[in-house]
C-alpha atoms as a PDB file:
ATOM      1  CA  UNK A   1      19.529   0.977 -27.775  1.00  0.00           C
ATOM      2  CA  UNK A   2      20.315  -2.756 -28.137  1.00  0.00           C
ATOM      3  CA  UNK A   3      18.725  -6.136 -27.802  1.00  0.00           C
ATOM      4  CA  UNK A   4      18.448 -10.317 -28.036  1.00  0.00           C
ATOM      5  CA  UNK A   5      16.054 -12.782 -29.104  1.00  0.00           C
ATOM      6  CA  UNK A   6      15.868 -14.979 -26.279  1.00  0.00           C
ATOM      7  CA  UNK A   7      14.362 -18.477 -26.503  1.00  0.00           C
ATOM      8  CA  UNK A   8      12.056 -18.923 -23.394  1.00  0.00           C
ATOM      9  CA  UNK A   9       9.525 -21.996 -23.389  1.00  0.00           C
ATOM     10  CA  UNK A  10       9.593 -21.645 -27.277  1.00  0.00           C
ATOM     11  CA  UNK A  11       9.577 -18.724 -28.078  1.00  0.00           C
ATOM     12  CA  UNK A  12      11.365 -16.326 -29.086  1.00  0.00           C
ATOM     13  CA  UNK A  13      11.298 -13.007 -26.781  1.00  0.00           C
ATOM     14  CA  UNK A  14      13.222  -9.220 -27.254  1.00  0.00           C
ATOM     15  CA  UNK A  15      15.427  -8.219 -23.996  1.00  0.00           C
ATOM     16  CA  UNK A  16      17.454  -5.585 -23.739  1.00  0.00           C
ATOM     17  CA  UNK A  17      19.835  -5.850 -20.480  1.00  0.00           C
ATOM     18  CA  UNK A  18      21.039  -2.213 -19.345  1.00  0.00           C
ATOM     19  CA  UNK A  19      22.644  -2.307 -16.410  1.00  0.00           C
ATOM     20  CA  UNK A  20      25.677  -4.023 -15.113  1.00  0.00           C
ATOM     21  CA  UNK A  21      25.099  -7.396 -13.089  1.00  0.00           C
ATOM     22  CA  UNK A  22      25.897  -6.428 -10.122  1.00  0.00           C
ATOM     23  CA  UNK A  23      22.963  -4.520  -9.744  1.00  0.00           C
ATOM     24  CA  UNK A  24      19.580  -4.474  -7.985  1.00  0.00           C
ATOM     25  CA  UNK A  25      18.226  -5.802 -11.185  1.00  0.00           C
ATOM     26  CA  UNK A  26      14.390  -4.275 -12.407  1.00  0.00           C
ATOM     27  CA  UNK A  27      11.596  -6.135 -15.279  1.00  0.00           C
ATOM     28  CA  UNK A  28      10.145  -3.496 -16.920  1.00  0.00           C
ATOM     29  CA  UNK A  29       6.767  -4.492 -18.732  1.00  0.00           C
ATOM     30  CA  UNK A  30       5.128  -2.449 -21.732  1.00  0.00           C
ATOM     31  CA  UNK A  31       1.516  -1.898 -21.768  1.00  0.00           C
ATOM     32  CA  UNK A  32      -0.690  -1.601 -25.063  1.00  0.00           C
ATOM     33  CA  UNK A  33      -1.446  -5.025 -24.576  1.00  0.00           C
ATOM     34  CA  UNK A  34       1.108  -4.776 -27.811  1.00  0.00           C
ATOM     35  CA  UNK A  35       2.841  -1.690 -27.623  1.00  0.00           C
ATOM     36  CA  UNK A  36       6.488  -2.402 -27.188  1.00  0.00           C
ATOM     37  CA  UNK A  37       8.951  -1.264 -24.496  1.00  0.00           C
ATOM     38  CA  UNK A  38      11.139   1.039 -27.112  1.00  0.00           C
ATOM     39  CA  UNK A  39       9.428   4.247 -26.130  1.00  0.00           C
ATOM     40  CA  UNK A  40      10.798   3.646 -22.164  1.00  0.00           C
ATOM     41  CA  UNK A  41      13.897   2.331 -23.382  1.00  0.00           C
ATOM     42  CA  UNK A  42      15.026   5.355 -24.883  1.00  0.00           C
ATOM     43  CA  UNK A  43      13.816   7.521 -22.493  1.00  0.00           C
ATOM     44  CA  UNK A  44      14.863   5.357 -19.210  1.00  0.00           C
ATOM     45  CA  UNK A  45      17.757   3.060 -20.259  1.00  0.00           C
ATOM     46  CA  UNK A  46      20.419   5.526 -19.429  1.00  0.00           C
ATOM     47  CA  UNK A  47      18.520   7.520 -16.702  1.00  0.00           C
ATOM     48  CA  UNK A  48      17.685   4.287 -14.806  1.00  0.00           C
ATOM     49  CA  UNK A  49      20.742   2.091 -16.235  1.00  0.00           C
ATOM     50  CA  UNK A  50      23.103   3.792 -13.847  1.00  0.00           C
ATOM     51  CA  UNK A  51      21.157   2.926 -10.764  1.00  0.00           C
ATOM     52  CA  UNK A  52      19.952  -0.691 -11.956  1.00  0.00           C
ATOM     53  CA  UNK A  53      20.303  -4.083 -14.107  1.00  0.00           C
ATOM     54  CA  UNK A  54      17.217  -2.921 -16.341  1.00  0.00           C
ATOM     55  CA  UNK A  55      15.584  -5.971 -18.378  1.00  0.00           C
ATOM     56  CA  UNK A  56      13.421  -5.132 -20.450  1.00  0.00           C
ATOM     57  CA  UNK A  57      11.162  -7.212 -23.227  1.00  0.00           C
ATOM     58  CA  UNK A  58       8.711  -7.072 -25.858  1.00  0.00           C
ATOM     59  CA  UNK A  59       6.123  -9.641 -24.534  1.00  0.00           C
ATOM     60  CA  UNK A  60       5.501 -12.896 -26.473  1.00  0.00           C
ATOM     61  CA  UNK A  61       4.769 -12.054 -30.268  1.00  0.00           C
ATOM     62  CA  UNK A  62       4.512  -8.412 -30.083  1.00  0.00           C
ATOM     63  CA  UNK A  63       6.880  -6.013 -32.187  1.00  0.00           C
ATOM     64  CA  UNK A  64      10.208  -7.511 -31.945  1.00  0.00           C
ATOM     65  CA  UNK A  65       9.681 -10.687 -30.298  1.00  0.00           C
ATOM     66  CA  UNK A  66       8.882 -13.993 -32.788  1.00  0.00           C
ATOM     67  CA  UNK A  67       5.073 -13.745 -34.200  1.00  0.00           C
ATOM     68  CA  UNK A  68       2.362 -16.443 -32.591  1.00  0.00           C
ATOM     69  CA  UNK A  69       1.981 -17.777 -35.436  1.00  0.00           C
ATOM     70  CA  UNK A  70      -1.474 -19.469 -36.756  1.00  0.00           C
ATOM     71  CA  UNK A  71      -3.552 -22.169 -34.384  1.00  0.00           C
ATOM     72  CA  UNK A  72      -0.679 -21.391 -31.531  1.00  0.00           C
ATOM     73  CA  UNK A  73      -2.155 -21.565 -28.256  1.00  0.00           C
ATOM     74  CA  UNK A  74      -1.592 -18.128 -26.418  1.00  0.00           C
ATOM     75  CA  UNK A  75      -2.954 -16.259 -23.458  1.00  0.00           C
ATOM     76  CA  UNK A  76      -2.427 -13.906 -20.932  1.00  0.00           C
ATOM     77  CA  UNK A  77      -1.329 -16.439 -17.971  1.00  0.00           C
ATOM     78  CA  UNK A  78       1.657 -16.386 -21.200  1.00  0.00           C
ATOM     79  CA  UNK A  79       2.933 -13.965 -20.434  1.00  0.00           C
ATOM     80  CA  UNK A  80       3.053 -14.038 -16.947  1.00  0.00           C
ATOM     81  CA  UNK A  81       4.553 -17.446 -16.744  1.00  0.00           C
ATOM     82  CA  UNK A  82       7.168 -16.077 -19.405  1.00  0.00           C
ATOM     83  CA  UNK A  83       8.293 -13.308 -16.904  1.00  0.00           C
ATOM     84  CA  UNK A  84       9.245 -15.942 -14.208  1.00  0.00           C
ATOM     85  CA  UNK A  85      10.988 -18.082 -17.617  1.00  0.00           C
ATOM     86  CA  UNK A  86      13.408 -14.983 -18.183  1.00  0.00           C
ATOM     87  CA  UNK A  87      13.868 -14.459 -14.122  1.00  0.00           C
ATOM     88  CA  UNK A  88      14.880 -18.537 -14.218  1.00  0.00           C
ATOM     89  CA  UNK A  89      16.769 -17.806 -17.671  1.00  0.00           C
ATOM     90  CA  UNK A  90      18.655 -14.802 -16.192  1.00  0.00           C
ATOM     91  CA  UNK A  91      19.777 -16.841 -12.858  1.00  0.00           C
ATOM     92  CA  UNK A  92      18.314 -13.697 -11.344  1.00  0.00           C
ATOM     93  CA  UNK A  93      17.190 -14.838  -7.837  1.00  0.00           C
ATOM     94  CA  UNK A  94      15.034 -11.734  -7.270  1.00  0.00           C
ATOM     95  CA  UNK A  95      13.658  -8.302  -8.824  1.00  0.00           C
ATOM     96  CA  UNK A  96      11.368  -5.748  -9.315  1.00  0.00           C
ATOM     97  CA  UNK A  97       8.934  -4.687 -11.817  1.00  0.00           C
ATOM     98  CA  UNK A  98       8.023  -2.021 -13.594  1.00  0.00           C
ATOM     99  CA  UNK A  99       4.381  -2.174 -15.376  1.00  0.00           C
ATOM    100  CA  UNK A 100       2.938   1.083 -17.781  1.00  0.00           C
ATOM    101  CA  UNK A 101      -0.792   0.966 -18.440  1.00  0.00           C
ATOM    102  CA  UNK A 102      -1.353  -2.938 -19.589  1.00  0.00           C
ATOM    103  CA  UNK A 103       2.062  -3.696 -18.161  1.00  0.00           C
ATOM    104  CA  UNK A 104       0.704  -2.511 -14.630  1.00  0.00           C
ATOM    105  CA  UNK A 105      -2.211  -5.173 -15.335  1.00  0.00           C
ATOM    106  CA  UNK A 106      -0.279  -8.047 -16.300  1.00  0.00           C
ATOM    107  CA  UNK A 107       2.569  -6.986 -13.013  1.00  0.00           C
ATOM    108  CA  UNK A 108      -0.324  -7.324 -10.896  1.00  0.00           C
ATOM    109  CA  UNK A 109      -1.420 -10.954 -11.802  1.00  0.00           C
ATOM    110  CA  UNK A 110       2.766 -11.507 -11.923  1.00  0.00           C
ATOM    111  CA  UNK A 111       3.231 -10.525  -8.484  1.00  0.00           C
ATOM    112  CA  UNK A 112       0.125 -12.070  -7.193  1.00  0.00           C
ATOM    113  CA  UNK A 113       1.327 -16.178  -8.627  1.00  0.00           C
ATOM    114  CA  UNK A 114       4.810 -15.545  -7.734  1.00  0.00           C
ATOM    115  CA  UNK A 115       5.152 -13.203  -5.008  1.00  0.00           C
ATOM    116  CA  UNK A 116       8.951 -14.824  -3.773  1.00  0.00           C
ATOM    117  CA  UNK A 117      10.372 -13.803  -7.280  1.00  0.00           C
ATOM    118  CA  UNK A 118       9.927 -10.166  -7.047  1.00  0.00           C
ATOM    119  CA  UNK A 119      10.903  -7.556  -4.118  1.00  0.00           C
ATOM    120  CA  UNK A 120       9.245  -4.562  -5.619  1.00  0.00           C
ATOM    121  CA  UNK A 121       6.210  -2.957  -7.894  1.00  0.00           C
ATOM    122  CA  UNK A 122       6.040  -0.095  -9.834  1.00  0.00           C
ATOM    123  CA  UNK A 123       2.260   0.241 -11.484  1.00  0.00           C
ATOM    124  CA  UNK A 124       2.473   3.815 -13.827  1.00  0.00           C
ATOM    125  CA  UNK A 125      -0.394   4.801 -14.772  1.00  0.00           C
ATOM    126  CA  UNK A 126      -1.832   0.919 -14.937  1.00  0.00           C
ATOM    127  CA  UNK A 127      -5.128  -0.380 -15.376  1.00  0.00           C
ATOM    128  CA  UNK A 128      -6.199  -3.465 -13.175  1.00  0.00           C
ATOM    129  CA  UNK A 129      -9.983  -3.220 -14.333  1.00  0.00           C
ATOM    130  CA  UNK A 130     -10.474  -2.483 -18.498  1.00  0.00           C
ATOM    131  CA  UNK A 131     -13.746  -1.569 -17.800  1.00  0.00           C
ATOM    132  CA  UNK A 132     -13.246   1.081 -15.663  1.00  0.00           C
ATOM    133  CA  UNK A 133     -10.432   2.208 -17.700  1.00  0.00           C
ATOM    134  CA  UNK A 134     -12.340   2.614 -21.063  1.00  0.00           C
ATOM    135  CA  UNK A 135     -15.433   4.328 -19.488  1.00  0.00           C
ATOM    136  CA  UNK A 136     -12.638   6.785 -18.018  1.00  0.00           C
ATOM    137  CA  UNK A 137     -11.254   7.020 -21.603  1.00  0.00           C
ATOM    138  CA  UNK A 138     -14.194   7.275 -22.754  1.00  0.00           C
ATOM    139  CA  UNK A 139     -14.979  10.432 -20.647  1.00  0.00           C
ATOM    140  CA  UNK A 140     -12.228  12.004 -21.270  1.00  0.00           C
ATOM    141  CA  UNK A 141     -12.375  11.296 -24.991  1.00  0.00           C
ATOM    142  CA  UNK A 142     -15.853  13.302 -25.199  1.00  0.00           C
ATOM    143  CA  UNK A 143     -14.407  16.654 -23.343  1.00  0.00           C
ATOM    144  CA  UNK A 144     -11.775  16.400 -26.447  1.00  0.00           C
ATOM    145  CA  UNK A 145     -14.045  15.751 -28.787  1.00  0.00           C
ATOM    146  CA  UNK A 146     -16.290  18.981 -27.510  1.00  0.00           C
ATOM    147  CA  UNK A 147     -13.417  20.849 -27.521  1.00  0.00           C
ATOM    148  CA  UNK A 148     -11.650  19.843 -31.010  1.00  0.00           C
ATOM    149  CA  UNK A 149     -15.216  21.120 -32.320  1.00  0.00           C
ATOM    150  CA  UNK A 150     -17.570  17.959 -32.510  1.00  0.00           C
ATOM    151  CA  UNK A 151     -20.295  18.367 -30.029  1.00  0.00           C
ATOM    152  CA  UNK A 152     -22.814  15.216 -31.053  1.00  0.00           C
ATOM    153  CA  UNK A 153     -19.196  13.144 -30.849  1.00  0.00           C
ATOM    154  CA  UNK A 154     -19.125  14.692 -27.099  1.00  0.00           C
ATOM    155  CA  UNK A 155     -23.024  13.690 -26.465  1.00  0.00           C
ATOM    156  CA  UNK A 156     -22.673  10.509 -27.799  1.00  0.00           C
ATOM    157  CA  UNK A 157     -19.684   9.559 -25.856  1.00  0.00           C
ATOM    158  CA  UNK A 158     -21.278  10.472 -22.198  1.00  0.00           C
ATOM    159  CA  UNK A 159     -24.260   8.358 -23.315  1.00  0.00           C
ATOM    160  CA  UNK A 160     -21.810   5.682 -23.781  1.00  0.00           C
ATOM    161  CA  UNK A 161     -19.868   5.925 -20.690  1.00  0.00           C
ATOM    162  CA  UNK A 162     -22.603   5.137 -18.872  1.00  0.00           C
ATOM    163  CA  UNK A 163     -23.709   2.230 -21.173  1.00  0.00           C
ATOM    164  CA  UNK A 164     -24.418  -1.590 -20.150  1.00  0.00           C
ATOM    165  CA  UNK A 165     -21.800  -3.450 -23.031  1.00  0.00           C
ATOM    166  CA  UNK A 166     -19.929  -5.793 -22.377  1.00  0.00           C
ATOM    167  CA  UNK A 167     -16.020  -4.924 -21.322  1.00  0.00           C
ATOM    168  CA  UNK A 168     -15.022  -5.958 -25.290  1.00  0.00           C
ATOM    169  CA  UNK A 169     -17.923  -4.269 -26.682  1.00  0.00           C
ATOM    170  CA  UNK A 170     -17.341  -0.788 -24.299  1.00  0.00           C
ATOM    171  CA  UNK A 171     -13.852  -1.242 -25.604  1.00  0.00           C
ATOM    172  CA  UNK A 172     -13.927  -1.542 -28.692  1.00  0.00           C
ATOM    173  CA  UNK A 173     -16.055   1.236 -28.875  1.00  0.00           C
ATOM    174  CA  UNK A 174     -13.917   3.594 -27.074  1.00  0.00           C
ATOM    175  CA  UNK A 175     -11.286   2.448 -29.650  1.00  0.00           C
ATOM    176  CA  UNK A 176     -13.702   4.015 -32.460  1.00  0.00           C
ATOM    177  CA  UNK A 177     -14.764   6.805 -30.940  1.00  0.00           C
ATOM    178  CA  UNK A 178     -11.290   7.848 -30.091  1.00  0.00           C
ATOM    179  CA  UNK A 179     -10.491   7.708 -34.013  1.00  0.00           C
ATOM    180  CA  UNK A 180     -12.488  10.668 -34.218  1.00  0.00           C
ATOM    181  CA  UNK A 181      -9.858  12.553 -32.526  1.00  0.00           C
ATOM    182  CA  UNK A 182      -7.608  11.822 -35.606  1.00  0.00           C
ATOM    183  CA  UNK A 183      -4.146  13.651 -35.583  1.00  0.00           C
ATOM    184  CA  UNK A 184      -5.275  14.804 -31.722  1.00  0.00           C
ATOM    185  CA  UNK A 185      -5.398  11.838 -30.288  1.00  0.00           C
ATOM    186  CA  UNK A 186      -3.036  11.075 -28.703  1.00  0.00           C
ATOM    187  CA  UNK A 187      -4.202  13.898 -26.734  1.00  0.00           C
ATOM    188  CA  UNK A 188      -6.014  11.796 -24.520  1.00  0.00           C
ATOM    189  CA  UNK A 189      -3.261  10.299 -23.245  1.00  0.00           C
ATOM    190  CA  UNK A 190       0.067  12.509 -22.916  1.00  0.00           C
ATOM    191  CA  UNK A 191      -0.235  16.097 -21.203  1.00  0.00           C
ATOM    192  CA  UNK A 192       3.294  16.944 -21.303  1.00  0.00           C
ATOM    193  CA  UNK A 193       5.042  17.179 -25.533  1.00  0.00           C
ATOM    194  CA  UNK A 194       8.162  18.393 -24.936  1.00  0.00           C
ATOM    195  CA  UNK A 195      10.185  14.724 -24.978  1.00  0.00           C
ATOM    196  CA  UNK A 196       8.837  12.569 -27.939  1.00  0.00           C
ATOM    197  CA  UNK A 197      10.168   9.956 -28.382  1.00  0.00           C
ATOM    198  CA  UNK A 198      11.697   8.868 -31.374  1.00  0.00           C
ATOM    199  CA  UNK A 199      11.679   5.554 -33.611  1.00  0.00           C
ATOM    200  CA  UNK A 200      12.349   6.178 -36.714  1.00  0.00           C
ATOM    201  CA  UNK A 201      16.221   5.760 -35.780  1.00  0.00           C
ATOM    202  CA  UNK A 202      16.646   2.860 -35.236  1.00  0.00           C
ATOM    203  CA  UNK A 203      13.941   1.433 -37.528  1.00  0.00           C
ATOM    204  CA  UNK A 204      12.215   2.050 -40.714  1.00  0.00           C
ATOM    205  CA  UNK A 205       8.602   3.190 -41.202  1.00  0.00           C
ATOM    206  CA  UNK A 206       7.621  -0.443 -42.983  1.00  0.00           C
ATOM    207  CA  UNK A 207       9.820  -2.056 -40.111  1.00  0.00           C
ATOM    208  CA  UNK A 208       7.511  -0.615 -37.433  1.00  0.00           C
ATOM    209  CA  UNK A 209       4.331  -1.634 -40.371  1.00  0.00           C
ATOM    210  CA  UNK A 210       5.426  -4.968 -39.318  1.00  0.00           C
ATOM    211  CA  UNK A 211       6.232  -4.902 -35.903  1.00  0.00           C
ATOM    212  CA  UNK A 212       2.591  -3.739 -35.284  1.00  0.00           C
ATOM    213  CA  UNK A 213       1.407  -6.428 -37.135  1.00  0.00           C
ATOM    214  CA  UNK A 214       2.795  -8.770 -34.765  1.00  0.00           C
ATOM    215  CA  UNK A 215       1.605  -6.749 -32.328  1.00  0.00           C
ATOM    216  CA  UNK A 216      -2.658  -6.926 -33.384  1.00  0.00           C
ATOM    217  CA  UNK A 217      -2.390 -10.518 -33.652  1.00  0.00           C
ATOM    218  CA  UNK A 218      -1.378 -10.472 -29.648  1.00  0.00           C
ATOM    219  CA  UNK A 219      -3.890  -8.040 -28.655  1.00  0.00           C
ATOM    220  CA  UNK A 220      -6.807  -9.598 -30.947  1.00  0.00           C
ATOM    221  CA  UNK A 221      -5.348 -13.258 -29.506  1.00  0.00           C
ATOM    222  CA  UNK A 222      -6.038 -11.643 -25.864  1.00  0.00           C
ATOM    223  CA  UNK A 223      -9.272  -9.820 -26.692  1.00  0.00           C
ATOM    224  CA  UNK A 224     -10.736 -13.223 -27.970  1.00  0.00           C
ATOM    225  CA  UNK A 225      -9.881 -15.141 -25.148  1.00  0.00           C
ATOM    226  CA  UNK A 226     -11.127 -12.317 -21.987  1.00  0.00           C
ATOM    227  CA  UNK A 227      -8.799 -12.994 -19.329  1.00  0.00           C
ATOM    228  CA  UNK A 228      -7.895  -9.296 -19.885  1.00  0.00           C
ATOM    229  CA  UNK A 229     -11.275  -8.309 -19.330  1.00  0.00           C
ATOM    230  CA  UNK A 230     -11.832 -10.017 -15.514  1.00  0.00           C
ATOM    231  CA  UNK A 231     -10.836  -6.703 -13.197  1.00  0.00           C
ATOM    232  CA  UNK A 232      -7.883  -7.524 -10.532  1.00  0.00           C
ATOM    233  CA  UNK A 233      -8.827  -4.856  -8.271  1.00  0.00           C
ATOM    234  CA  UNK A 234      -9.761  -7.780  -5.685  1.00  0.00           C
ATOM    235  CA  UNK A 235      -6.193  -8.725  -6.190  1.00  0.00           C
ATOM    236  CA  UNK A 236      -4.312  -5.906  -4.543  1.00  0.00           C
ATOM    237  CA  UNK A 237      -5.276  -6.733  -0.968  1.00  0.00           C
ATOM    238  CA  UNK A 238      -3.394  -9.810  -1.255  1.00  0.00           C
ATOM    239  CA  UNK A 239      -0.456  -8.713  -1.612  1.00  0.00           C
ATOM    240  CA  UNK A 240       2.529  -7.685   0.603  1.00  0.00           C
ATOM    241  CA  UNK A 241       5.328  -6.923  -1.556  1.00  0.00           C
ATOM    242  CA  UNK A 242       5.703  -3.014  -1.732  1.00  0.00           C
ATOM    243  CA  UNK A 243       3.268  -0.983  -4.086  1.00  0.00           C
ATOM    244  CA  UNK A 244       4.062   1.820  -5.579  1.00  0.00           C
ATOM    245  CA  UNK A 245       1.232   3.632  -7.747  1.00  0.00           C
ATOM    246  CA  UNK A 246       2.910   6.410  -9.364  1.00  0.00           C
ATOM    247  CA  UNK A 247       0.478   8.313 -11.930  1.00  0.00           C
ATOM    248  CA  UNK A 248       0.361  11.508 -14.429  1.00  0.00           C
ATOM    249  CA  UNK A 249      -2.016  13.898 -13.247  1.00  0.00           C
ATOM    250  CA  UNK A 250      -4.179  13.770 -16.392  1.00  0.00           C
ATOM    251  CA  UNK A 251      -4.404  10.081 -16.462  1.00  0.00           C
ATOM    252  CA  UNK A 252      -7.504   8.844 -17.853  1.00  0.00           C
ATOM    253  CA  UNK A 253      -6.215   5.207 -17.627  1.00  0.00           C
ATOM    254  CA  UNK A 254      -5.767   5.093 -14.257  1.00  0.00           C
ATOM    255  CA  UNK A 255      -9.501   6.399 -12.705  1.00  0.00           C
ATOM    256  CA  UNK A 256     -10.502   7.418  -9.162  1.00  0.00           C
ATOM    257  CA  UNK A 257     -11.971   3.905  -8.286  1.00  0.00           C
ATOM    258  CA  UNK A 258      -7.904   2.255  -8.600  1.00  0.00           C
ATOM    259  CA  UNK A 259      -7.117   5.369  -6.668  1.00  0.00           C
ATOM    260  CA  UNK A 260      -9.837   4.417  -3.750  1.00  0.00           C
ATOM    261  CA  UNK A 261      -9.015   0.578  -3.996  1.00  0.00           C
ATOM    262  CA  UNK A 262      -5.945   0.687  -4.000  1.00  0.00           C
ATOM    263  CA  UNK A 263      -5.363   3.512  -0.927  1.00  0.00           C
ATOM    264  CA  UNK A 264      -8.141   1.457   1.031  1.00  0.00           C
ATOM    265  CA  UNK A 265      -6.919  -2.218   0.496  1.00  0.00           C
ATOM    266  CA  UNK A 266      -2.823  -2.171  -0.413  1.00  0.00           C
ATOM    267  CA  UNK A 267      -1.775  -3.672   2.538  1.00  0.00           C
ATOM    268  CA  UNK A 268       1.962  -2.035   1.774  1.00  0.00           C
ATOM    269  CA  UNK A 269       1.026   0.618  -0.376  1.00  0.00           C
ATOM    270  CA  UNK A 270       2.115   4.662  -1.508  1.00  0.00           C
ATOM    271  CA  UNK A 271       0.968   6.529  -4.118  1.00  0.00           C
ATOM    272  CA  UNK A 272       2.788   9.297  -6.164  1.00  0.00           C
ATOM    273  CA  UNK A 273       0.875  11.909  -8.467  1.00  0.00           C
ATOM    274  CA  UNK A 274       3.713  13.451 -11.152  1.00  0.00           C
ATOM    275  CA  UNK A 275       1.984  16.981 -11.760  1.00  0.00           C
ATOM    276  CA  UNK A 276       3.057  17.649 -15.410  1.00  0.00           C
ATOM    277  CA  UNK A 277       2.512  14.275 -16.933  1.00  0.00           C
ATOM    278  CA  UNK A 278      -0.781  12.131 -18.818  1.00  0.00           C
ATOM    279  CA  UNK A 279      -0.183   8.795 -19.016  1.00  0.00           C
ATOM    280  CA  UNK A 280       3.433   8.478 -19.523  1.00  0.00           C
ATOM    281  CA  UNK A 281       5.811  10.416 -16.776  1.00  0.00           C
ATOM    282  CA  UNK A 282       8.853   7.992 -18.013  1.00  0.00           C
ATOM    283  CA  UNK A 283       9.236   9.976 -21.056  1.00  0.00           C
ATOM    284  CA  UNK A 284       6.867  13.286 -19.743  1.00  0.00           C
ATOM    285  CA  UNK A 285       9.032  13.785 -16.205  1.00  0.00           C
ATOM    286  CA  UNK A 286      11.559  11.323 -17.427  1.00  0.00           C
ATOM    287  CA  UNK A 287      14.089  12.517 -14.702  1.00  0.00           C
ATOM    288  CA  UNK A 288      11.415  13.101 -12.057  1.00  0.00           C
ATOM    289  CA  UNK A 289      10.079   9.120 -12.786  1.00  0.00           C
ATOM    290  CA  UNK A 290      14.054   8.461 -12.198  1.00  0.00           C
ATOM    291  CA  UNK A 291      14.758  10.058  -9.100  1.00  0.00           C
ATOM    292  CA  UNK A 292      10.837   8.698  -7.948  1.00  0.00           C
ATOM    293  CA  UNK A 293      11.351   4.778  -8.715  1.00  0.00           C
ATOM    294  CA  UNK A 294      15.512   4.506  -7.762  1.00  0.00           C
ATOM    295  CA  UNK A 295      14.273   6.539  -4.435  1.00  0.00           C
ATOM    296  CA  UNK A 296      11.305   3.483  -4.305  1.00  0.00           C
ATOM    297  CA  UNK A 297      13.112   1.046  -5.454  1.00  0.00           C
ATOM    298  CA  UNK A 298      16.053   1.498  -3.448  1.00  0.00           C
ATOM    299  CA  UNK A 299      14.522   1.271  -0.350  1.00  0.00           C
ATOM    300  CA  UNK A 300      15.297  -1.358   2.326  1.00  0.00           C
END
């Protein structure tokens, strides 16, 4: 995997383009905020690159993209405008979008603002509402804490999940509670552990530390702005583009309320459940994810 830095709206974004120019273009938006597109590219670039022109980016200020400097203006809308400006830069008339987790949030915002620029959208394990997702993740974390011999933290988690804290406070408390799982923390997200991502043959541990220092700035600025804490669930009923909600059976990020509103409000929406996945079907069930994505995105 190799990408290049492309200046978009005055900022250098890390962009990977996989697949030939004559294939249908697909943009991938990673989660986090601030996670990088590396793991998706690692597992899906060859798989999806056979069928599409896959464009995967590290969002503004994230990992391999240019750092956001002190006193530089930055907010959620910049990420949407970057997507649209990149499409124009690459001379793409219309593309489809795959958004994972927070990338699903961003994809919904993007398609709501620029529906004419987008063909179809796949939401992989998305959050459309940070409060609902945080409460759901806290409940799963509480169950895991009990399984790992911390019943007092299990009880604390259940109380926290029903508290009336602000969305930002709830999100921060979730991060604190999940850290109590230590080396078991990724059990919140992963169900199938058979397909790990290779990070360190591509970059050193020191480089990844530097990358994620940049990502922390990105996340902190989004958190301070507060736009990410506004629910996007009401926007689902406005979208006429074909949408696929693709979620792992054991994923707590996309809670039942997400399913309920998507099924009720989506004008042209489908749902697919990956039976052996948590939050990341694109690598937990990589071949099946490719098949589902190709089938949906290739449909006339």
